[in-house]
Amino acid sequence: MQYSVLTPVRRPRRRRRRRLVALFVLTAALGGGAFLLYTQLQAGRPAPAAAASPPRPRQTPPTATPRTGQLLSAPRRPLRGGPAVTAPSAIVVDARTGAVLWEKRAHRRRPIASTTKIMTATLVLERLPLSRRVKVPREATREPLVREGLRAGEHVPAWKLLDGLLIFSGNDDAYALSAAAAGTRRRFVAQMNAKADALGLRDTHFTSVSGVIDKGNHSSAWDLAALTRYAMRDPRFRKTVRTRIARVSWAAPTYAKVYLNKNLLLGSYRGADGVKTGWTTLAGHCLVASARHGGRALIAVVLHASDPYGDARRLLNFGFALRGRS
């Protein structure tokens, strides 16, 4: 059969179907490849900003309580022998190096009476300008036992109250100073305990600013020696605790006061220059003593001693005899 250009061409249906099937397969293959490529690209992308969790603010780790370097250290070689002391707890240390020269149950916790005022004075010197005039609270005039006789409402320079605290050992001075430095006595006690923790005084806890309260108010010979070594770095503290007699002018109607230091080593032991006495029924006689001569400085502590001054002398003599061995 001959074809003319005007004659319509009729192609076989089988060949047309084959082409349609091939075209369908090719289209499906291309579509599947594109889908796989799109999936991989999406998997490699970061999550959309809307679905992402908001960035967490960088948290600064809490600041640890600053701690003073170790105030006391045991000697490299244990020292044999030692002074015979009546106190059940005692210690003598080199004030310059912090080396413990000899100790007896130095970590035993005991009530410490008015040696508590070493910490009270330390905080006052760090937090209260001595030129500030302190208004005496009425509660201060009601403190039990030793009082110098402050009058409620009178305004007294802090330095005069510090003299009364460390030389006369007035409990009313302790109350007035603590309230002025911290707002309340209770808040000041909390600051005393925080300071003890910062200094590493593990045997110490305060419930009193004066030591008149024994319950819960305790320390050890070791901790008192460490605290004293820290306190003696302040020149005003050193000047006050070595004063035997202080004559202080006062406003009318008092006009003047005389404070007598209860530390009998001052003026009777060569080089004695502090620090603090204490006594209550439960604490017994407590004494923190310091002395220096021959280029050496020592701190001795005796707690609940039947012969506090004899014990302190024996400890200091022992320490000075160890020149060059600590």
Protein backbone atom coordinates (compact mmCIF):
# COMPACT_ATOMS: atom_id res chain seq x y z
CA MET A 1 0.00 0.00 0.00
CA GLN A 2 1.36 3.36 -0.99
CA TYR A 3 1.12 6.40 1.16
CA SER A 4 0.35 9.90 0.05
CA VAL A 5 1.22 13.01 1.93
CA LEU A 6 -2.49 13.49 2.40
CA THR A 7 -3.04 10.04 3.82
CA PRO A 8 -3.05 9.94 7.71
CA VAL A 9 -0.38 7.71 9.17
CA ARG A 10 -1.57 4.99 11.52
CA ARG A 11 1.23 3.70 13.75
CA PRO A 12 0.89 0.42 15.57
CA ARG A 13 -0.58 0.75 19.10
CA ARG A 14 2.00 -1.63 20.64
CA ARG A 15 4.93 0.68 19.85
CA ARG A 16 3.04 3.69 21.32
CA ARG A 17 2.30 1.86 24.56
CA ARG A 18 5.96 0.91 24.94
CA ARG A 19 7.00 4.53 24.66
CA LEU A 20 4.38 5.62 27.20
CA VAL A 21 5.56 2.99 29.67
CA ALA A 22 9.20 4.04 29.20
CA LEU A 23 8.29 7.68 29.69
CA PHE A 24 6.37 6.86 32.88
CA VAL A 25 9.28 4.84 34.29
CA LEU A 26 11.75 7.63 33.50
CA THR A 27 9.51 10.24 35.13
CA ALA A 28 9.08 8.09 38.24
CA ALA A 29 12.82 7.54 38.49
CA LEU A 30 13.59 11.23 38.17
CA GLY A 31 10.92 12.09 40.74
CA GLY A 32 12.23 9.52 43.21
CA GLY A 33 15.79 10.78 42.82
CA ALA A 34 14.72 14.33 43.37
CA PHE A 35 12.82 13.32 46.52
CA LEU A 36 15.84 11.48 47.90
CA LEU A 37 18.08 14.46 47.16
CA TYR A 38 15.66 16.83 48.87
CA THR A 39 15.43 14.53 51.92
CA GLN A 40 19.21 14.41 52.27
CA LEU A 41 19.52 18.16 51.97
CA GLN A 42 16.86 18.67 54.60
CA ALA A 43 18.57 16.21 56.94
CA GLY A 44 21.85 18.12 56.63
CA ARG A 45 20.30 21.48 57.46
CA PRO A 46 19.98 22.82 61.03
CA ALA A 47 16.53 22.84 62.51
CA PRO A 48 14.46 25.92 61.66
CA ALA A 49 14.85 28.80 64.11
CA ALA A 50 11.19 28.63 65.11
CA ALA A 51 11.54 25.00 66.21
CA ALA A 52 14.83 25.46 68.01
CA SER A 53 14.91 25.83 71.80
CA PRO A 54 15.84 29.33 72.94
CA PRO A 55 19.53 29.50 73.91
CA ARG A 56 20.09 29.17 77.63
CA PRO A 57 21.93 32.03 79.31
CA ARG A 58 25.45 31.14 80.39
CA GLN A 59 25.37 30.36 84.08
CA THR A 60 28.23 31.60 86.20
CA PRO A 61 29.23 29.02 88.84
CA PRO A 62 28.53 30.19 92.37
CA THR A 63 31.48 31.96 93.93
CA ALA A 64 33.00 29.98 96.76
CA THR A 65 33.40 31.63 100.12
CA PRO A 66 36.82 33.22 100.11
CA ARG A 67 39.09 31.47 102.57
CA THR A 68 42.19 32.71 104.27
CA GLY A 69 45.31 30.62 103.83
CA GLN A 70 46.10 28.06 106.50
CA LEU A 71 46.78 29.98 109.70
CA LEU A 72 48.45 27.17 111.67
CA SER A 73 50.55 24.19 110.66
CA ALA A 74 51.89 21.24 112.62
CA PRO A 75 55.67 20.91 112.96
CA ARG A 76 57.48 18.62 110.53
CA ARG A 77 58.75 16.42 113.34
CA PRO A 78 56.72 15.88 116.52
CA LEU A 79 58.45 17.49 119.48
CA ARG A 80 59.07 15.21 122.43
CA GLY A 81 58.33 16.39 125.91
CA GLY A 82 56.76 19.72 126.69
CA PRO A 83 55.64 21.99 129.50
CA ALA A 84 53.55 20.66 132.38
CA VAL A 85 50.28 22.62 132.21
CA THR A 86 47.14 22.32 134.31
CA ALA A 87 44.83 23.23 131.42
CA PRO A 88 43.11 20.26 129.72
CA SER A 89 43.54 22.06 126.37
CA ALA A 90 46.54 24.17 125.46
CA ILE A 91 48.76 25.23 122.57
CA VAL A 92 51.77 27.42 121.78
CA VAL A 93 52.51 28.58 118.23
CA ASP A 94 55.00 30.72 116.36
CA ALA A 95 53.03 33.88 115.56
CA ARG A 96 55.15 34.70 112.50
CA THR A 97 55.07 31.35 110.72
CA GLY A 98 51.98 29.71 112.23
CA ALA A 99 53.99 26.62 113.21
CA VAL A 100 52.53 24.72 116.15
CA LEU A 101 55.35 24.20 118.64
CA TRP A 102 53.41 22.16 121.18
CA GLU A 103 49.79 21.27 121.83
CA LYS A 104 47.58 19.34 124.21
CA ARG A 105 44.11 18.30 123.03
CA ALA A 106 44.17 21.45 120.94
CA HIS A 107 41.07 20.54 118.90
CA ARG A 108 38.85 19.76 121.90
CA ARG A 109 35.78 22.01 121.71
CA ARG A 110 35.19 24.02 124.88
CA PRO A 111 33.31 27.11 126.04
CA ILE A 112 35.63 30.10 125.75
CA ALA A 113 34.03 32.90 127.82
CA SER A 114 35.26 36.42 126.96
CA THR A 115 37.99 35.25 124.59
CA THR A 116 34.98 35.37 122.23
CA LYS A 117 35.64 39.12 122.08
CA ILE A 118 38.71 38.49 119.91
CA MET A 119 36.36 37.67 117.03
CA THR A 120 33.98 40.50 117.97
CA ALA A 121 36.83 43.03 117.83
CA THR A 122 38.15 41.55 114.57
CA LEU A 123 34.83 42.07 112.79
CA VAL A 124 34.29 45.51 114.29
CA LEU A 125 37.69 46.65 113.02
CA GLU A 126 36.86 45.36 109.54
CA ARG A 127 33.31 46.73 109.29
CA LEU A 128 32.89 49.76 111.51
CA PRO A 129 34.86 53.03 111.25
CA LEU A 130 36.31 53.74 114.68
CA SER A 131 35.49 57.43 114.33
CA ARG A 132 31.77 56.69 114.01
CA ARG A 133 29.61 57.77 116.94
CA VAL A 134 27.57 54.81 118.14
CA LYS A 135 24.19 55.27 119.79
CA VAL A 136 24.01 52.89 122.73
CA PRO A 137 20.89 50.67 122.53
CA ARG A 138 18.86 50.22 125.70
CA GLU A 139 19.39 46.46 125.42
CA ALA A 140 23.15 46.94 125.80
CA THR A 141 22.68 48.39 129.27
CA ARG A 142 20.89 45.20 130.34
CA GLU A 143 23.68 42.79 129.43
CA PRO A 144 24.50 40.53 132.40
CA LEU A 145 27.72 40.38 134.41
CA VAL A 146 30.57 42.66 133.37
CA ARG A 147 29.40 46.10 132.21
CA GLU A 148 31.28 49.38 132.10
CA GLY A 149 28.05 51.33 132.66
CA LEU A 150 27.02 52.66 129.24
CA ARG A 151 23.87 54.80 129.30
CA ALA A 152 21.02 54.12 126.88
CA GLY A 153 20.87 56.64 124.07
CA GLU A 154 24.30 58.20 124.61
CA HIS A 155 26.53 58.59 121.54
CA VAL A 156 30.05 57.20 121.94
CA PRO A 157 32.90 57.01 119.39
CA ALA A 158 33.46 53.39 118.36
CA TRP A 159 37.14 53.49 119.37
CA LYS A 160 36.18 54.14 123.00
CA LEU A 161 33.83 51.16 122.94
CA LEU A 162 36.63 49.05 121.44
CA ASP A 163 38.86 49.99 124.38
CA GLY A 164 36.07 49.00 126.74
CA LEU A 165 35.61 45.72 124.84
CA LEU A 166 39.23 44.52 124.81
CA ILE A 167 40.73 46.18 127.89
CA PHE A 168 37.86 46.31 130.39
CA SER A 169 36.01 43.40 128.69
CA GLY A 170 32.59 45.06 128.87
CA ASN A 171 29.65 43.00 127.68
CA ASP A 172 27.66 46.19 127.09
CA ASP A 173 30.46 47.38 124.78
CA ALA A 174 30.19 44.13 122.82
CA TYR A 175 26.42 44.58 122.38
CA ALA A 176 26.68 48.25 121.33
CA LEU A 177 29.44 47.58 118.80
CA SER A 178 27.76 44.53 117.28
CA ALA A 179 24.45 46.37 116.80
CA ALA A 180 26.25 49.32 115.20
CA ALA A 181 28.31 47.13 112.85
CA ALA A 182 25.56 44.78 111.66
CA GLY A 183 22.23 46.40 112.57
CA THR A 184 21.35 43.77 115.16
CA ARG A 185 23.29 41.56 117.54
CA ARG A 186 21.76 38.45 115.96
CA ARG A 187 22.98 39.46 112.51
CA PHE A 188 26.44 40.15 113.90
CA VAL A 189 26.60 36.64 115.43
CA ALA A 190 25.80 35.22 111.99
CA GLN A 191 28.68 37.26 110.58
CA MET A 192 30.98 35.93 113.30
CA ASN A 193 30.19 32.36 112.26
CA ALA A 194 30.66 33.21 108.58
CA LYS A 195 34.06 34.70 109.40
CA ALA A 196 35.03 31.63 111.40
CA ASP A 197 34.15 29.47 108.41
CA ALA A 198 36.13 31.70 106.05
CA LEU A 199 39.18 31.44 108.31
CA GLY A 200 38.88 27.65 108.47
CA LEU A 201 38.07 27.53 112.19
CA ARG A 202 36.41 24.11 112.20
CA ASP A 203 36.05 23.79 115.98
CA THR A 204 34.31 27.14 116.44
CA HIS A 205 30.69 28.25 116.73
CA PHE A 206 29.33 31.46 118.21
CA THR A 207 26.02 32.23 119.88
CA SER A 208 27.24 35.31 121.77
CA VAL A 209 29.14 38.50 120.92
CA SER A 210 30.64 38.72 124.41
CA GLY A 211 31.02 35.12 125.60
CA VAL A 212 28.62 35.63 128.48
CA ILE A 213 26.54 32.78 127.01
CA ASP A 214 28.20 29.35 127.19
CA LYS A 215 25.54 27.25 125.46
CA GLY A 216 26.51 26.73 121.83
CA ASN A 217 29.39 29.21 122.11
CA HIS A 218 32.58 27.19 121.78
CA SER A 219 35.99 26.98 120.16
CA SER A 220 39.30 25.20 120.73
CA ALA A 221 42.84 26.13 121.69
CA TRP A 222 43.88 25.55 118.07
CA ASP A 223 41.18 27.81 116.61
CA LEU A 224 41.77 30.58 119.16
CA ALA A 225 45.48 30.61 118.36
CA ALA A 226 44.69 30.76 114.62
CA LEU A 227 42.12 33.54 115.13
CA THR A 228 44.55 35.52 117.29
CA ARG A 229 47.29 35.22 114.68
CA TYR A 230 44.86 36.69 112.15
CA ALA A 231 43.60 39.43 114.51
CA MET A 232 47.13 40.55 115.44
CA ARG A 233 47.71 41.59 111.83
CA ASP A 234 45.61 44.69 112.55
CA PRO A 235 47.76 47.42 114.16
CA ARG A 236 44.80 48.88 116.08
CA PHE A 237 44.03 45.47 117.59
CA ARG A 238 47.68 45.02 118.63
CA LYS A 239 47.80 48.48 120.16
CA THR A 240 44.62 47.93 122.18
CA VAL A 241 45.37 44.46 123.58
CA ARG A 242 48.83 45.45 124.83
CA THR A 243 47.46 48.45 126.76
CA ARG A 244 47.58 47.94 130.54
CA ILE A 245 45.72 51.10 131.57
CA ALA A 246 43.58 53.36 129.37
CA ARG A 247 42.34 56.74 130.55
CA VAL A 248 39.45 57.86 128.36
CA SER A 249 37.65 61.19 128.41
CA TRP A 250 33.85 61.02 128.45
CA ALA A 251 30.87 63.28 128.05
CA ALA A 252 29.12 64.69 131.11
CA PRO A 253 28.09 63.57 133.60
CA THR A 254 30.79 60.84 133.43
CA TYR A 255 33.71 63.04 132.26
CA ALA A 256 36.38 60.30 132.36
CA LYS A 257 36.88 56.54 132.62
CA VAL A 258 39.84 54.34 133.46
CA TYR A 259 40.10 50.83 131.97
CA LEU A 260 42.37 48.28 133.68
CA ASN A 261 43.47 45.29 131.62
CA LYS A 262 42.78 41.97 133.36
CA ASN A 263 45.72 40.27 131.60
CA LEU A 264 48.26 40.01 134.44
CA LEU A 265 51.07 38.98 132.08
CA LEU A 266 51.28 42.55 130.80
CA GLY A 267 54.13 44.18 132.67
CA SER A 268 55.07 40.98 134.51
CA TYR A 269 56.29 38.73 131.67
CA ARG A 270 59.07 39.94 129.40
CA GLY A 271 57.72 40.95 126.00
CA ALA A 272 54.05 40.22 126.81
CA ASP A 273 51.80 42.19 124.44
CA GLY A 274 48.29 40.71 124.71
CA VAL A 275 45.76 39.28 124.23
CA LYS A 276 42.53 38.39 126.13
CA THR A 277 41.27 36.79 129.32
CA GLY A 278 37.95 35.07 129.99
CA TRP A 279 35.99 33.32 132.69
CA THR A 280 32.57 31.78 133.25
CA THR A 281 31.53 28.97 135.56
CA LEU A 282 31.43 26.45 132.71
CA ALA A 283 34.41 27.72 130.74
CA GLY A 284 36.66 28.18 133.76
CA HIS A 285 39.72 30.37 133.37
CA CYS A 286 40.65 30.97 129.73
CA LEU A 287 43.66 32.94 128.53
CA VAL A 288 45.05 33.83 125.12
CA ALA A 289 48.53 35.29 125.63
CA SER A 290 51.15 36.67 123.28
CA ALA A 291 54.73 37.80 123.74
CA ARG A 292 57.72 38.75 121.63
CA HIS A 293 61.41 39.22 122.22
CA GLY A 294 64.65 38.25 120.58
CA GLY A 295 63.09 38.64 117.15
CA ARG A 296 60.47 35.99 117.87
CA ALA A 297 56.71 36.21 118.55
CA LEU A 298 54.57 33.52 120.22
CA ILE A 299 50.89 32.92 120.94
CA ALA A 300 49.79 30.65 123.80
CA VAL A 301 46.26 29.51 124.65
CA VAL A 302 44.99 27.70 127.76
CA LEU A 303 41.36 26.72 128.32
CA HIS A 304 39.69 25.78 131.62
CA ALA A 305 43.00 26.14 133.44
CA SER A 306 43.36 26.08 137.22
CA ASP A 307 46.58 28.10 136.87
CA PRO A 308 46.14 30.12 133.67
CA TYR A 309 49.08 32.50 134.13
CA GLY A 310 51.46 29.78 135.30
CA ASP A 311 50.43 27.65 132.30
CA ALA A 312 50.87 30.54 129.88
CA ARG A 313 54.32 31.32 131.26
CA ARG A 314 55.42 27.70 130.91
CA LEU A 315 54.13 27.56 127.33
CA LEU A 316 55.85 30.80 126.34
CA ASN A 317 59.11 29.79 128.05
CA PHE A 318 59.01 26.47 126.23
CA GLY A 319 58.41 28.17 122.89
CA PHE A 320 61.19 30.71 123.29
CA ALA A 321 63.60 27.94 124.29
CA LEU A 322 62.98 26.26 120.90
CA ARG A 323 64.69 29.05 118.94
CA GLY A 324 65.78 27.79 115.56
CA ARG A 325 64.05 24.40 115.93
CA SER A 326 60.54 25.20 114.63
